[in-house]
Amino acid sequence: MKKKILLFAWLMACIFFAGCANQKMYYFGNYSKTLYTLGKNQNEESLMNHKQELEKIIAESKTESLPAPPGIYAELGYIHLKANRVKEAIKLFKAESQLYPEAKHLMDRLIQSAETKNNSDNTN
């Protein structure tokens, strides 16, 4: 009986400590640093560094088998949209929508806006 109690206590302790282990949910890379630099120094170089960091986060998330943090695809898509790379922006907005269904309505509106922008640019 005493062995069963000790075995049960040991098993519960293992479960408890396994639950306390630091588990990574997302890969953020240097997102905060590059975003801060972009906000502080709004120039082409800091924008390119932030864009490269967003692309790195997406790539590293895939290699780490972790989902990209919410908003990463959308933010990168917005950067592409501002640079008139509409097709790439739409692709990224769709990826955000698929990864985070709760963002679908916003992403659909951004896609619609991007398509409208693309159509008006093509007619001019």
PDB file of N, CA and C in Angstrom:
ATOM      1  N   MET A   1       0.819  -1.184   0.000  1.00  0.00           N
ATOM      2  CA  MET A   1       0.000   0.000   0.000  1.00  0.00           C
ATOM      3  C   MET A   1       0.876   1.265   0.000  1.00  0.00           C
ATOM      4  N   LYS A   2       1.955   1.223   0.796  1.00  0.00           N
ATOM      5  CA  LYS A   2       2.839   2.363   0.886  1.00  0.00           C
ATOM      6  C   LYS A   2       3.545   2.604  -0.452  1.00  0.00           C
ATOM      7  N   LYS A   3       3.900   1.518  -1.137  1.00  0.00           N
ATOM      8  CA  LYS A   3       4.536   1.645  -2.446  1.00  0.00           C
ATOM      9  C   LYS A   3       3.590   2.290  -3.447  1.00  0.00           C
ATOM     10  N   LYS A   4       2.306   1.938  -3.395  1.00  0.00           N
ATOM     11  CA  LYS A   4       1.320   2.516  -4.313  1.00  0.00           C
ATOM     12  C   LYS A   4       1.160   4.012  -4.066  1.00  0.00           C
ATOM     13  N   ILE A   5       1.170   4.401  -2.822  1.00  0.00           N
ATOM     14  CA  ILE A   5       1.042   5.830  -2.487  1.00  0.00           C
ATOM     15  C   ILE A   5       2.276   6.590  -2.980  1.00  0.00           C
ATOM     16  N   LEU A   6       3.455   6.036  -2.749  1.00  0.00           N
ATOM     17  CA  LEU A   6       4.682   6.680  -3.222  1.00  0.00           C
ATOM     18  C   LEU A   6       4.721   6.756  -4.752  1.00  0.00           C
ATOM     19  N   LEU A   7       4.314   5.688  -5.409  1.00  0.00           N
ATOM     20  CA  LEU A   7       4.270   5.676  -6.869  1.00  0.00           C
ATOM     21  C   LEU A   7       3.282   6.719  -7.393  1.00  0.00           C
ATOM     22  N   PHE A   8       2.128   6.807  -6.743  1.00  0.00           N
ATOM     23  CA  PHE A   8       1.125   7.785  -7.138  1.00  0.00           C
ATOM     24  C   PHE A   8       1.650   9.208  -6.919  1.00  0.00           C
ATOM     25  N   ALA A   9       2.285   9.462  -5.785  1.00  0.00           N
ATOM     26  CA  ALA A   9       2.833  10.789  -5.493  1.00  0.00           C
ATOM     27  C   ALA A   9       3.922  11.152  -6.495  1.00  0.00           C
ATOM     28  N   TRP A  10       4.790  10.186  -6.824  1.00  0.00           N
ATOM     29  CA  TRP A  10       5.846  10.434  -7.804  1.00  0.00           C
ATOM     30  C   TRP A  10       5.261  10.754  -9.174  1.00  0.00           C
ATOM     31  N   LEU A  11       4.232   9.998  -9.571  1.00  0.00           N
ATOM     32  CA  LEU A  11       3.570  10.220 -10.851  1.00  0.00           C
ATOM     33  C   LEU A  11       2.918  11.599 -10.904  1.00  0.00           C
ATOM     34  N   MET A  12       2.256  11.996  -9.847  1.00  0.00           N
ATOM     35  CA  MET A  12       1.616  13.312  -9.794  1.00  0.00           C
ATOM     36  C   MET A  12       2.660  14.431  -9.846  1.00  0.00           C
ATOM     37  N   ALA A  13       3.790  14.223  -9.175  1.00  0.00           N
ATOM     38  CA  ALA A  13       4.860  15.226  -9.201  1.00  0.00           C
ATOM     39  C   ALA A  13       5.411  15.371 -10.617  1.00  0.00           C
ATOM     40  N   CYS A  14       5.590  14.265 -11.314  1.00  0.00           N
ATOM     41  CA  CYS A  14       6.072  14.318 -12.704  1.00  0.00           C
ATOM     42  C   CYS A  14       5.099  15.071 -13.592  1.00  0.00           C
ATOM     43  N   ILE A  15       3.827  14.792 -13.430  1.00  0.00           N
ATOM     44  CA  ILE A  15       2.809  15.485 -14.226  1.00  0.00           C
ATOM     45  C   ILE A  15       2.816  16.976 -13.907  1.00  0.00           C
ATOM     46  N   PHE A  16       2.910  17.303 -12.625  1.00  0.00           N
ATOM     47  CA  PHE A  16       2.907  18.710 -12.215  1.00  0.00           C
ATOM     48  C   PHE A  16       4.096  19.456 -12.815  1.00  0.00           C
ATOM     49  N   PHE A  17       5.287  18.879 -12.691  1.00  0.00           N
ATOM     50  CA  PHE A  17       6.483  19.564 -13.196  1.00  0.00           C
ATOM     51  C   PHE A  17       6.537  19.588 -14.721  1.00  0.00           C
ATOM     52  N   ALA A  18       5.954  18.620 -15.370  1.00  0.00           N
ATOM     53  CA  ALA A  18       5.898  18.636 -16.838  1.00  0.00           C
ATOM     54  C   ALA A  18       4.990  19.766 -17.305  1.00  0.00           C
ATOM     55  N   GLY A  19       3.941  20.043 -16.563  1.00  0.00           N
ATOM     56  CA  GLY A  19       3.030  21.138 -16.906  1.00  0.00           C
ATOM     57  C   GLY A  19       3.658  22.497 -16.690  1.00  0.00           C
ATOM     58  N   CYS A  20       4.659  22.570 -15.839  1.00  0.00           N
ATOM     59  CA  CYS A  20       5.328  23.839 -15.556  1.00  0.00           C
ATOM     60  C   CYS A  20       6.468  24.137 -16.524  1.00  0.00           C
ATOM     61  N   ALA A  21       6.787  23.217 -17.381  1.00  0.00           N
ATOM     62  CA  ALA A  21       7.890  23.411 -18.319  1.00  0.00           C
ATOM     63  C   ALA A  21       7.575  24.573 -19.253  1.00  0.00           C
ATOM     64  N   ASN A  22       8.600  25.323 -19.602  1.00  0.00           N
ATOM     65  CA  ASN A  22       8.449  26.463 -20.495  1.00  0.00           C
ATOM     66  C   ASN A  22       8.230  25.961 -21.919  1.00  0.00           C
ATOM     67  N   GLN A  23       7.037  26.143 -22.418  1.00  0.00           N
ATOM     68  CA  GLN A  23       6.710  25.682 -23.762  1.00  0.00           C
ATOM     69  C   GLN A  23       6.533  26.898 -24.664  1.00  0.00           C
ATOM     70  N   LYS A  24       7.224  26.865 -25.800  1.00  0.00           N
ATOM     71  CA  LYS A  24       7.113  27.969 -26.746  1.00  0.00           C
ATOM     72  C   LYS A  24       5.829  27.810 -27.547  1.00  0.00           C
ATOM     73  N   MET A  25       5.065  28.887 -27.603  1.00  0.00           N
ATOM     74  CA  MET A  25       3.834  28.856 -28.363  1.00  0.00           C
ATOM     75  C   MET A  25       4.047  29.464 -29.751  1.00  0.00           C
ATOM     76  N   TYR A  26       4.851  30.521 -29.808  1.00  0.00           N
ATOM     77  CA  TYR A  26       5.143  31.213 -31.056  1.00  0.00           C
ATOM     78  C   TYR A  26       6.628  31.545 -31.104  1.00  0.00           C
ATOM     79  N   TYR A  27       7.109  31.807 -32.312  1.00  0.00           N
ATOM     80  CA  TYR A  27       8.478  32.281 -32.484  1.00  0.00           C
ATOM     81  C   TYR A  27       8.399  33.762 -32.846  1.00  0.00           C
ATOM     82  N   PHE A  28       8.962  34.633 -31.995  1.00  0.00           N
ATOM     83  CA  PHE A  28       8.896  36.074 -32.219  1.00  0.00           C
ATOM     84  C   PHE A  28      10.180  36.669 -32.768  1.00  0.00           C
ATOM     85  N   GLY A  29      11.280  35.948 -32.682  1.00  0.00           N
ATOM     86  CA  GLY A  29      12.543  36.480 -33.186  1.00  0.00           C
ATOM     87  C   GLY A  29      12.873  37.817 -32.538  1.00  0.00           C
ATOM     88  N   ASN A  30      13.306  38.778 -33.337  1.00  0.00           N
ATOM     89  CA  ASN A  30      13.622  40.131 -32.853  1.00  0.00           C
ATOM     90  C   ASN A  30      12.518  41.121 -33.214  1.00  0.00           C
ATOM     91  N   TYR A  31      11.286  40.655 -33.221  1.00  0.00           N
ATOM     92  CA  TYR A  31      10.156  41.490 -33.636  1.00  0.00           C
ATOM     93  C   TYR A  31      10.104  42.804 -32.851  1.00  0.00           C
ATOM     94  N   SER A  32      10.162  42.724 -31.534  1.00  0.00           N
ATOM     95  CA  SER A  32      10.039  43.931 -30.702  1.00  0.00           C
ATOM     96  C   SER A  32      11.140  44.939 -31.014  1.00  0.00           C
ATOM     97  N   LYS A  33      12.353  44.437 -31.191  1.00  0.00           N
ATOM     98  CA  LYS A  33      13.486  45.328 -31.452  1.00  0.00           C
ATOM     99  C   LYS A  33      13.333  46.055 -32.788  1.00  0.00           C
ATOM    100  N   THR A  34      12.982  45.306 -33.846  1.00  0.00           N
ATOM    101  CA  THR A  34      12.873  45.948 -35.162  1.00  0.00           C
ATOM    102  C   THR A  34      11.652  46.859 -35.240  1.00  0.00           C
ATOM    103  N   LEU A  35      10.573  46.493 -34.549  1.00  0.00           N
ATOM    104  CA  LEU A  35       9.386  47.360 -34.529  1.00  0.00           C
ATOM    105  C   LEU A  35       9.689  48.656 -33.789  1.00  0.00           C
ATOM    106  N   TYR A  36      10.401  48.558 -32.674  1.00  0.00           N
ATOM    107  CA  TYR A  36      10.790  49.750 -31.920  1.00  0.00           C
ATOM    108  C   TYR A  36      11.672  50.651 -32.776  1.00  0.00           C
ATOM    109  N   THR A  37      12.651  50.053 -33.461  1.00  0.00           N
ATOM    110  CA  THR A  37      13.549  50.828 -34.324  1.00  0.00           C
ATOM    111  C   THR A  37      12.768  51.499 -35.444  1.00  0.00           C
ATOM    112  N   LEU A  38      11.802  50.788 -36.017  1.00  0.00           N
ATOM    113  CA  LEU A  38      10.979  51.370 -37.075  1.00  0.00           C
ATOM    114  C   LEU A  38      10.156  52.545 -36.555  1.00  0.00           C
ATOM    115  N   GLY A  39       9.609  52.401 -35.364  1.00  0.00           N
ATOM    116  CA  GLY A  39       8.840  53.501 -34.780  1.00  0.00           C
ATOM    117  C   GLY A  39       9.699  54.696 -34.431  1.00  0.00           C
ATOM    118  N   LYS A  40      10.910  54.432 -33.983  1.00  0.00           N
ATOM    119  CA  LYS A  40      11.825  55.499 -33.587  1.00  0.00           C
ATOM    120  C   LYS A  40      12.447  56.196 -34.787  1.00  0.00           C
ATOM    121  N   ASN A  41      12.865  55.407 -35.778  1.00  0.00           N
ATOM    122  CA  ASN A  41      13.521  55.937 -36.980  1.00  0.00           C
ATOM    123  C   ASN A  41      12.718  55.501 -38.194  1.00  0.00           C
ATOM    124  N   GLN A  42      11.755  56.276 -38.570  1.00  0.00           N
ATOM    125  CA  GLN A  42      10.904  55.888 -39.694  1.00  0.00           C
ATOM    126  C   GLN A  42      11.604  56.241 -41.002  1.00  0.00           C
ATOM    127  N   ASN A  43      12.443  55.293 -41.434  1.00  0.00           N
ATOM    128  CA  ASN A  43      13.151  55.471 -42.696  1.00  0.00           C
ATOM    129  C   ASN A  43      13.144  54.149 -43.453  1.00  0.00           C
ATOM    130  N   GLU A  44      13.668  54.181 -44.654  1.00  0.00           N
ATOM    131  CA  GLU A  44      13.645  53.004 -45.530  1.00  0.00           C
ATOM    132  C   GLU A  44      14.459  51.844 -44.958  1.00  0.00           C
ATOM    133  N   GLU A  45      15.584  52.158 -44.339  1.00  0.00           N
ATOM    134  CA  GLU A  45      16.440  51.100 -43.787  1.00  0.00           C
ATOM    135  C   GLU A  45      15.747  50.347 -42.641  1.00  0.00           C
ATOM    136  N   SER A  46      15.124  51.082 -41.728  1.00  0.00           N
ATOM    137  CA  SER A  46      14.448  50.414 -40.610  1.00  0.00           C
ATOM    138  C   SER A  46      13.225  49.646 -41.091  1.00  0.00           C
ATOM    139  N   LEU A  47      12.548  50.154 -42.119  1.00  0.00           N
ATOM    140  CA  LEU A  47      11.415  49.425 -42.695  1.00  0.00           C
ATOM    141  C   LEU A  47      11.888  48.121 -43.325  1.00  0.00           C
ATOM    142  N   MET A  48      12.997  48.159 -44.042  1.00  0.00           N
ATOM    143  CA  MET A  48      13.528  46.946 -44.658  1.00  0.00           C
ATOM    144  C   MET A  48      13.979  45.931 -43.600  1.00  0.00           C
ATOM    145  N   ASN A  49      14.608  46.426 -42.527  1.00  0.00           N
ATOM    146  CA  ASN A  49      15.022  45.530 -41.446  1.00  0.00           C
ATOM    147  C   ASN A  49      13.820  44.861 -40.799  1.00  0.00           C
ATOM    148  N   HIS A  50      12.758  45.631 -40.582  1.00  0.00           N
ATOM    149  CA  HIS A  50      11.550  45.067 -39.975  1.00  0.00           C
ATOM    150  C   HIS A  50      10.888  44.067 -40.924  1.00  0.00           C
ATOM    151  N   LYS A  51      10.842  44.393 -42.199  1.00  0.00           N
ATOM    152  CA  LYS A  51      10.270  43.484 -43.198  1.00  0.00           C
ATOM    153  C   LYS A  51      11.054  42.178 -43.234  1.00  0.00           C
ATOM    154  N   GLN A  52      12.370  42.271 -43.218  1.00  0.00           N
ATOM    155  CA  GLN A  52      13.211  41.071 -43.215  1.00  0.00           C
ATOM    156  C   GLN A  52      12.988  40.246 -41.950  1.00  0.00           C
ATOM    157  N   GLU A  53      12.786  40.921 -40.821  1.00  0.00           N
ATOM    158  CA  GLU A  53      12.533  40.202 -39.566  1.00  0.00           C
ATOM    159  C   GLU A  53      11.188  39.477 -39.623  1.00  0.00           C
ATOM    160  N   LEU A  54      10.170  40.116 -40.213  1.00  0.00           N
ATOM    161  CA  LEU A  54       8.870  39.454 -40.364  1.00  0.00           C
ATOM    162  C   LEU A  54       9.004  38.206 -41.242  1.00  0.00           C
ATOM    163  N   GLU A  55       9.748  38.330 -42.329  1.00  0.00           N
ATOM    164  CA  GLU A  55       9.972  37.176 -43.209  1.00  0.00           C
ATOM    165  C   GLU A  55      10.745  36.076 -42.481  1.00  0.00           C
ATOM    166  N   LYS A  56      11.712  36.470 -41.658  1.00  0.00           N
ATOM    167  CA  LYS A  56      12.494  35.498 -40.882  1.00  0.00           C
ATOM    168  C   LYS A  56      11.601  34.792 -39.859  1.00  0.00           C
ATOM    169  N   ILE A  57      10.719  35.538 -39.212  1.00  0.00           N
ATOM    170  CA  ILE A  57       9.810  34.942 -38.230  1.00  0.00           C
ATOM    171  C   ILE A  57       8.936  33.887 -38.892  1.00  0.00           C
ATOM    172  N   ILE A  58       8.421  34.197 -40.070  1.00  0.00           N
ATOM    173  CA  ILE A  58       7.573  33.236 -40.787  1.00  0.00           C
ATOM    174  C   ILE A  58       8.381  31.991 -41.148  1.00  0.00           C
ATOM    175  N   ALA A  59       9.591  32.184 -41.654  1.00  0.00           N
ATOM    176  CA  ALA A  59      10.429  31.044 -42.039  1.00  0.00           C
ATOM    177  C   ALA A  59      10.828  30.209 -40.825  1.00  0.00           C
ATOM    178  N   GLU A  60      11.252  30.858 -39.749  1.00  0.00           N
ATOM    179  CA  GLU A  60      11.667  30.139 -38.545  1.00  0.00           C
ATOM    180  C   GLU A  60      10.486  29.420 -37.890  1.00  0.00           C
ATOM    181  N   SER A  61       9.315  30.015 -37.945  1.00  0.00           N
ATOM    182  CA  SER A  61       8.130  29.369 -37.376  1.00  0.00           C
ATOM    183  C   SER A  61       7.862  28.050 -38.084  1.00  0.00           C
ATOM    184  N   LYS A  62       8.072  28.043 -39.390  1.00  0.00           N
ATOM    185  CA  LYS A  62       7.859  26.810 -40.148  1.00  0.00           C
ATOM    186  C   LYS A  62       8.898  25.753 -39.779  1.00  0.00           C
ATOM    187  N   THR A  63      10.163  26.154 -39.629  1.00  0.00           N
ATOM    188  CA  THR A  63      11.192  25.176 -39.283  1.00  0.00           C
ATOM    189  C   THR A  63      11.052  24.690 -37.847  1.00  0.00           C
ATOM    190  N   GLU A  64      10.538  25.538 -36.958  1.00  0.00           N
ATOM    191  CA  GLU A  64      10.336  25.160 -35.562  1.00  0.00           C
ATOM    192  C   GLU A  64       9.006  24.434 -35.349  1.00  0.00           C
ATOM    193  N   SER A  65       8.206  24.310 -36.404  1.00  0.00           N
ATOM    194  CA  SER A  65       6.865  23.709 -36.330  1.00  0.00           C
ATOM    195  C   SER A  65       5.979  24.439 -35.325  1.00  0.00           C
ATOM    196  N   LEU A  66       6.099  25.748 -35.309  1.00  0.00           N
ATOM    197  CA  LEU A  66       5.260  26.608 -34.474  1.00  0.00           C
ATOM    198  C   LEU A  66       4.476  27.536 -35.385  1.00  0.00           C
ATOM    199  N   PRO A  67       3.261  27.911 -34.994  1.00  0.00           N
ATOM    200  CA  PRO A  67       2.554  28.876 -35.830  1.00  0.00           C
ATOM    201  C   PRO A  67       3.205  30.259 -35.702  1.00  0.00           C
ATOM    202  N   ALA A  68       3.141  31.022 -36.767  1.00  0.00           N
ATOM    203  CA  ALA A  68       3.626  32.403 -36.701  1.00  0.00           C
ATOM    204  C   ALA A  68       2.708  33.161 -35.749  1.00  0.00           C
ATOM    205  N   PRO A  69       3.234  34.120 -35.011  1.00  0.00           N
ATOM    206  CA  PRO A  69       2.393  34.868 -34.084  1.00  0.00           C
ATOM    207  C   PRO A  69       1.260  35.582 -34.825  1.00  0.00           C
ATOM    208  N   PRO A  70       0.151  35.812 -34.138  1.00  0.00           N
ATOM    209  CA  PRO A  70      -0.968  36.510 -34.776  1.00  0.00           C
ATOM    210  C   PRO A  70      -0.548  37.878 -35.302  1.00  0.00           C
ATOM    211  N   GLY A  71      -0.965  38.187 -36.508  1.00  0.00           N
ATOM    212  CA  GLY A  71      -0.720  39.492 -37.097  1.00  0.00           C
ATOM    213  C   GLY A  71       0.547  39.602 -37.930  1.00  0.00           C
ATOM    214  N   ILE A  72       1.422  38.613 -37.875  1.00  0.00           N
ATOM    215  CA  ILE A  72       2.688  38.700 -38.608  1.00  0.00           C
ATOM    216  C   ILE A  72       2.444  38.698 -40.116  1.00  0.00           C
ATOM    217  N   TYR A  73       1.635  37.756 -40.587  1.00  0.00           N
ATOM    218  CA  TYR A  73       1.330  37.712 -42.024  1.00  0.00           C
ATOM    219  C   TYR A  73       0.604  38.994 -42.451  1.00  0.00           C
ATOM    220  N   ALA A  74      -0.310  39.464 -41.620  1.00  0.00           N
ATOM    221  CA  ALA A  74      -1.071  40.671 -41.963  1.00  0.00           C
ATOM    222  C   ALA A  74      -0.159  41.890 -42.021  1.00  0.00           C
ATOM    223  N   GLU A  75       0.745  42.014 -41.067  1.00  0.00           N
ATOM    224  CA  GLU A  75       1.656  43.156 -41.060  1.00  0.00           C
ATOM    225  C   GLU A  75       2.579  43.137 -42.269  1.00  0.00           C
ATOM    226  N   LEU A  76       3.101  41.964 -42.589  1.00  0.00           N
ATOM    227  CA  LEU A  76       3.951  41.845 -43.778  1.00  0.00           C
ATOM    228  C   LEU A  76       3.140  42.127 -45.037  1.00  0.00           C
ATOM    229  N   GLY A  77       1.911  41.661 -45.071  1.00  0.00           N
ATOM    230  CA  GLY A  77       1.028  41.943 -46.204  1.00  0.00           C
ATOM    231  C   GLY A  77       0.775  43.435 -46.358  1.00  0.00           C
ATOM    232  N   TYR A  78       0.599  44.123 -45.242  1.00  0.00           N
ATOM    233  CA  TYR A  78       0.366  45.569 -45.290  1.00  0.00           C
ATOM    234  C   TYR A  78       1.595  46.303 -45.831  1.00  0.00           C
ATOM    235  N   ILE A  79       2.777  45.851 -45.445  1.00  0.00           N
ATOM    236  CA  ILE A  79       4.009  46.459 -45.976  1.00  0.00           C
ATOM    237  C   ILE A  79       4.074  46.260 -47.491  1.00  0.00           C
ATOM    238  N   HIS A  80       3.716  45.062 -47.955  1.00  0.00           N
ATOM    239  CA  HIS A  80       3.699  44.803 -49.398  1.00  0.00           C
ATOM    240  C   HIS A  80       2.638  45.656 -50.088  1.00  0.00           C
ATOM    241  N   LEU A  81       1.487  45.804 -49.461  1.00  0.00           N
ATOM    242  CA  LEU A  81       0.409  46.607 -50.047  1.00  0.00           C
ATOM    243  C   LEU A  81       0.843  48.064 -50.204  1.00  0.00           C
ATOM    244  N   LYS A  82       1.523  48.608 -49.193  1.00  0.00           N
ATOM    245  CA  LYS A  82       1.998  49.989 -49.275  1.00  0.00           C
ATOM    246  C   LYS A  82       3.027  50.161 -50.383  1.00  0.00           C
ATOM    247  N   ALA A  83       3.739  49.072 -50.721  1.00  0.00           N
ATOM    248  CA  ALA A  83       4.752  49.116 -51.776  1.00  0.00           C
ATOM    249  C   ALA A  83       4.173  48.714 -53.135  1.00  0.00           C
ATOM    250  N   ASN A  84       2.841  48.634 -53.232  1.00  0.00           N
ATOM    251  CA  ASN A  84       2.118  48.273 -54.462  1.00  0.00           C
ATOM    252  C   ASN A  84       2.418  46.859 -54.957  1.00  0.00           C
ATOM    253  N   ARG A  85       2.766  45.955 -54.067  1.00  0.00           N
ATOM    254  CA  ARG A  85       2.896  44.539 -54.400  1.00  0.00           C
ATOM    255  C   ARG A  85       1.615  43.849 -53.919  1.00  0.00           C
ATOM    256  N   VAL A  86       0.555  44.107 -54.658  1.00  0.00           N
ATOM    257  CA  VAL A  86      -0.800  43.729 -54.249  1.00  0.00           C
ATOM    258  C   VAL A  86      -0.978  42.216 -54.196  1.00  0.00           C
ATOM    259  N   LYS A  87      -0.477  41.506 -55.198  1.00  0.00           N
ATOM    260  CA  LYS A  87      -0.661  40.051 -55.223  1.00  0.00           C
ATOM    261  C   LYS A  87      -0.005  39.389 -54.018  1.00  0.00           C
ATOM    262  N   GLU A  88       1.181  39.825 -53.670  1.00  0.00           N
ATOM    263  CA  GLU A  88       1.877  39.282 -52.496  1.00  0.00           C
ATOM    264  C   GLU A  88       1.117  39.636 -51.217  1.00  0.00           C
ATOM    265  N   ALA A  89       0.593  40.861 -51.165  1.00  0.00           N
ATOM    266  CA  ALA A  89      -0.178  41.289 -49.991  1.00  0.00           C
ATOM    267  C   ALA A  89      -1.421  40.422 -49.817  1.00  0.00           C
ATOM    268  N   ILE A  90      -2.132  40.176 -50.891  1.00  0.00           N
ATOM    269  CA  ILE A  90      -3.346  39.357 -50.826  1.00  0.00           C
ATOM    270  C   ILE A  90      -3.000  37.938 -50.376  1.00  0.00           C
ATOM    271  N   LYS A  91      -1.908  37.404 -50.886  1.00  0.00           N
ATOM    272  CA  LYS A  91      -1.477  36.062 -50.484  1.00  0.00           C
ATOM    273  C   LYS A  91      -1.207  36.006 -48.976  1.00  0.00           C
ATOM    274  N   LEU A  92      -0.566  37.029 -48.444  1.00  0.00           N
ATOM    275  CA  LEU A  92      -0.263  37.072 -47.014  1.00  0.00           C
ATOM    276  C   LEU A  92      -1.524  37.285 -46.177  1.00  0.00           C
ATOM    277  N   PHE A  93      -2.443  38.113 -46.659  1.00  0.00           N
ATOM    278  CA  PHE A  93      -3.710  38.306 -45.945  1.00  0.00           C
ATOM    279  C   PHE A  93      -4.495  36.998 -45.882  1.00  0.00           C
ATOM    280  N   LYS A  94      -4.476  36.234 -46.963  1.00  0.00           N
ATOM    281  CA  LYS A  94      -5.161  34.936 -46.974  1.00  0.00           C
ATOM    282  C   LYS A  94      -4.494  33.957 -46.012  1.00  0.00           C
ATOM    283  N   ALA A  95      -3.171  33.996 -45.940  1.00  0.00           N
ATOM    284  CA  ALA A  95      -2.456  33.115 -45.009  1.00  0.00           C
ATOM    285  C   ALA A  95      -2.818  33.457 -43.561  1.00  0.00           C
ATOM    286  N   GLU A  96      -2.913  34.744 -43.259  1.00  0.00           N
ATOM    287  CA  GLU A  96      -3.320  35.170 -41.906  1.00  0.00           C
ATOM    288  C   GLU A  96      -4.725  34.689 -41.597  1.00  0.00           C
ATOM    289  N   SER A  97      -5.602  34.817 -42.572  1.00  0.00           N
ATOM    290  CA  SER A  97      -6.993  34.392 -42.397  1.00  0.00           C
ATOM    291  C   SER A  97      -7.099  32.890 -42.166  1.00  0.00           C
ATOM    292  N   GLN A  98      -6.290  32.103 -42.865  1.00  0.00           N
ATOM    293  CA  GLN A  98      -6.326  30.653 -42.690  1.00  0.00           C
ATOM    294  C   GLN A  98      -5.734  30.237 -41.346  1.00  0.00           C
ATOM    295  N   LEU A  99      -4.670  30.899 -40.937  1.00  0.00           N
ATOM    296  CA  LEU A  99      -4.010  30.542 -39.684  1.00  0.00           C
ATOM    297  C   LEU A  99      -4.820  30.998 -38.465  1.00  0.00           C
ATOM    298  N   TYR A 100      -5.455  32.151 -38.581  1.00  0.00           N
ATOM    299  CA  TYR A 100      -6.248  32.713 -37.484  1.00  0.00           C
ATOM    300  C   TYR A 100      -7.645  33.065 -38.002  1.00  0.00           C
ATOM    301  N   PRO A 101      -8.572  32.118 -37.959  1.00  0.00           N
ATOM    302  CA  PRO A 101      -9.919  32.335 -38.498  1.00  0.00           C
ATOM    303  C   PRO A 101     -10.651  33.516 -37.867  1.00  0.00           C
ATOM    304  N   GLU A 102     -10.300  33.880 -36.643  1.00  0.00           N
ATOM    305  CA  GLU A 102     -10.955  35.021 -36.002  1.00  0.00           C
ATOM    306  C   GLU A 102     -10.615  36.337 -36.704  1.00  0.00           C
ATOM    307  N   ALA A 103      -9.565  36.344 -37.517  1.00  0.00           N
ATOM    308  CA  ALA A 103      -9.184  37.541 -38.258  1.00  0.00           C
ATOM    309  C   ALA A 103      -9.769  37.557 -39.667  1.00  0.00           C
ATOM    310  N   LYS A 104     -10.584  36.575 -40.002  1.00  0.00           N
ATOM    311  CA  LYS A 104     -11.098  36.421 -41.363  1.00  0.00           C
ATOM    312  C   LYS A 104     -11.839  37.658 -41.860  1.00  0.00           C
ATOM    313  N   HIS A 105     -12.710  38.219 -41.039  1.00  0.00           N
ATOM    314  CA  HIS A 105     -13.492  39.379 -41.493  1.00  0.00           C
ATOM    315  C   HIS A 105     -12.585  40.566 -41.827  1.00  0.00           C
ATOM    316  N   LEU A 106     -11.611  40.829 -40.976  1.00  0.00           N
ATOM    317  CA  LEU A 106     -10.680  41.929 -41.249  1.00  0.00           C
ATOM    318  C   LEU A 106      -9.845  41.634 -42.484  1.00  0.00           C
ATOM    319  N   MET A 107      -9.348  40.410 -42.596  1.00  0.00           N
ATOM    320  CA  MET A 107      -8.519  40.055 -43.749  1.00  0.00           C
ATOM    321  C   MET A 107      -9.326  40.120 -45.043  1.00  0.00           C
ATOM    322  N   ASP A 108     -10.594  39.697 -44.996  1.00  0.00           N
ATOM    323  CA  ASP A 108     -11.451  39.793 -46.183  1.00  0.00           C
ATOM    324  C   ASP A 108     -11.617  41.247 -46.616  1.00  0.00           C
ATOM    325  N   ARG A 109     -11.767  42.141 -45.654  1.00  0.00           N
ATOM    326  CA  ARG A 109     -11.900  43.568 -45.985  1.00  0.00           C
ATOM    327  C   ARG A 109     -10.598  44.123 -46.560  1.00  0.00           C
ATOM    328  N   LEU A 110      -9.472  43.681 -46.007  1.00  0.00           N
ATOM    329  CA  LEU A 110      -8.182  44.129 -46.546  1.00  0.00           C
ATOM    330  C   LEU A 110      -7.944  43.582 -47.948  1.00  0.00           C
ATOM    331  N   ILE A 111      -8.345  42.330 -48.180  1.00  0.00           N
ATOM    332  CA  ILE A 111      -8.216  41.737 -49.510  1.00  0.00           C
ATOM    333  C   ILE A 111      -9.078  42.499 -50.500  1.00  0.00           C
ATOM    334  N   GLN A 112     -10.307  42.802 -50.100  1.00  0.00           N
ATOM    335  CA  GLN A 112     -11.220  43.561 -50.967  1.00  0.00           C
ATOM    336  C   GLN A 112     -10.638  44.942 -51.271  1.00  0.00           C
ATOM    337  N   SER A 113     -10.084  45.587 -50.279  1.00  0.00           N
ATOM    338  CA  SER A 113      -9.466  46.901 -50.472  1.00  0.00           C
ATOM    339  C   SER A 113      -8.253  46.803 -51.396  1.00  0.00           C
ATOM    340  N   ALA A 114      -7.449  45.754 -51.222  1.00  0.00           N
ATOM    341  CA  ALA A 114      -6.266  45.568 -52.075  1.00  0.00           C
ATOM    342  C   ALA A 114      -6.665  45.308 -53.518  1.00  0.00           C
ATOM    343  N   GLU A 115      -7.698  44.496 -53.713  1.00  0.00           N
ATOM    344  CA  GLU A 115      -8.170  44.214 -55.068  1.00  0.00           C
ATOM    345  C   GLU A 115      -8.725  45.468 -55.723  1.00  0.00           C
ATOM    346  N   THR A 116      -9.420  46.284 -54.957  1.00  0.00           N
ATOM    347  CA  THR A 116      -9.940  47.553 -55.489  1.00  0.00           C
ATOM    348  C   THR A 116      -8.784  48.463 -55.895  1.00  0.00           C
ATOM    349  N   LYS A 117      -7.770  48.520 -55.042  1.00  0.00           N
ATOM    350  CA  LYS A 117      -6.593  49.330 -55.346  1.00  0.00           C
ATOM    351  C   LYS A 117      -5.897  48.806 -56.603  1.00  0.00           C
ATOM    352  N   ASN A 118      -5.779  47.503 -56.717  1.00  0.00           N
ATOM    353  CA  ASN A 118      -5.134  46.886 -57.865  1.00  0.00           C
ATOM    354  C   ASN A 118      -5.917  47.192 -59.148  1.00  0.00           C
ATOM    355  N   ASN A 119      -7.235  47.093 -59.079  1.00  0.00           N
ATOM    356  CA  ASN A 119      -8.072  47.369 -60.260  1.00  0.00           C
ATOM    357  C   ASN A 119      -7.984  48.837 -60.667  1.00  0.00           C
ATOM    358  N   SER A 120      -7.972  49.752 -59.685  1.00  0.00           N
ATOM    359  CA  SER A 120      -7.888  51.169 -60.035  1.00  0.00           C
ATOM    360  C   SER A 120      -6.507  51.527 -60.582  1.00  0.00           C
ATOM    361  N   ASP A 121      -5.469  50.846 -60.101  1.00  0.00           N
ATOM    362  CA  ASP A 121      -4.116  51.099 -60.625  1.00  0.00           C
ATOM    363  C   ASP A 121      -3.986  50.563 -62.061  1.00  0.00           C
ATOM    364  N   ASN A 122      -4.655  49.454 -62.346  1.00  0.00           N
ATOM    365  CA  ASN A 122      -4.574  48.869 -63.691  1.00  0.00           C
ATOM    366  C   ASN A 122      -5.358  49.665 -64.720  1.00  0.00           C
ATOM    367  N   THR A 123      -6.403  50.358 -64.308  1.00  0.00           N
ATOM    368  CA  THR A 123      -7.200  51.139 -65.257  1.00  0.00           C
ATOM    369  C   THR A 123      -6.554  52.479 -65.585  1.00  0.00           C
ATOM    370  N   ASN A 124      -5.657  52.959 -64.710  1.00  0.00           N
ATOM    371  CA  ASN A 124      -5.008  54.249 -64.961  1.00  0.00           C
ATOM    372  C   ASN A 124      -3.822  54.124 -65.829  1.00  0.00           C
TER     373      ASN A 124
END
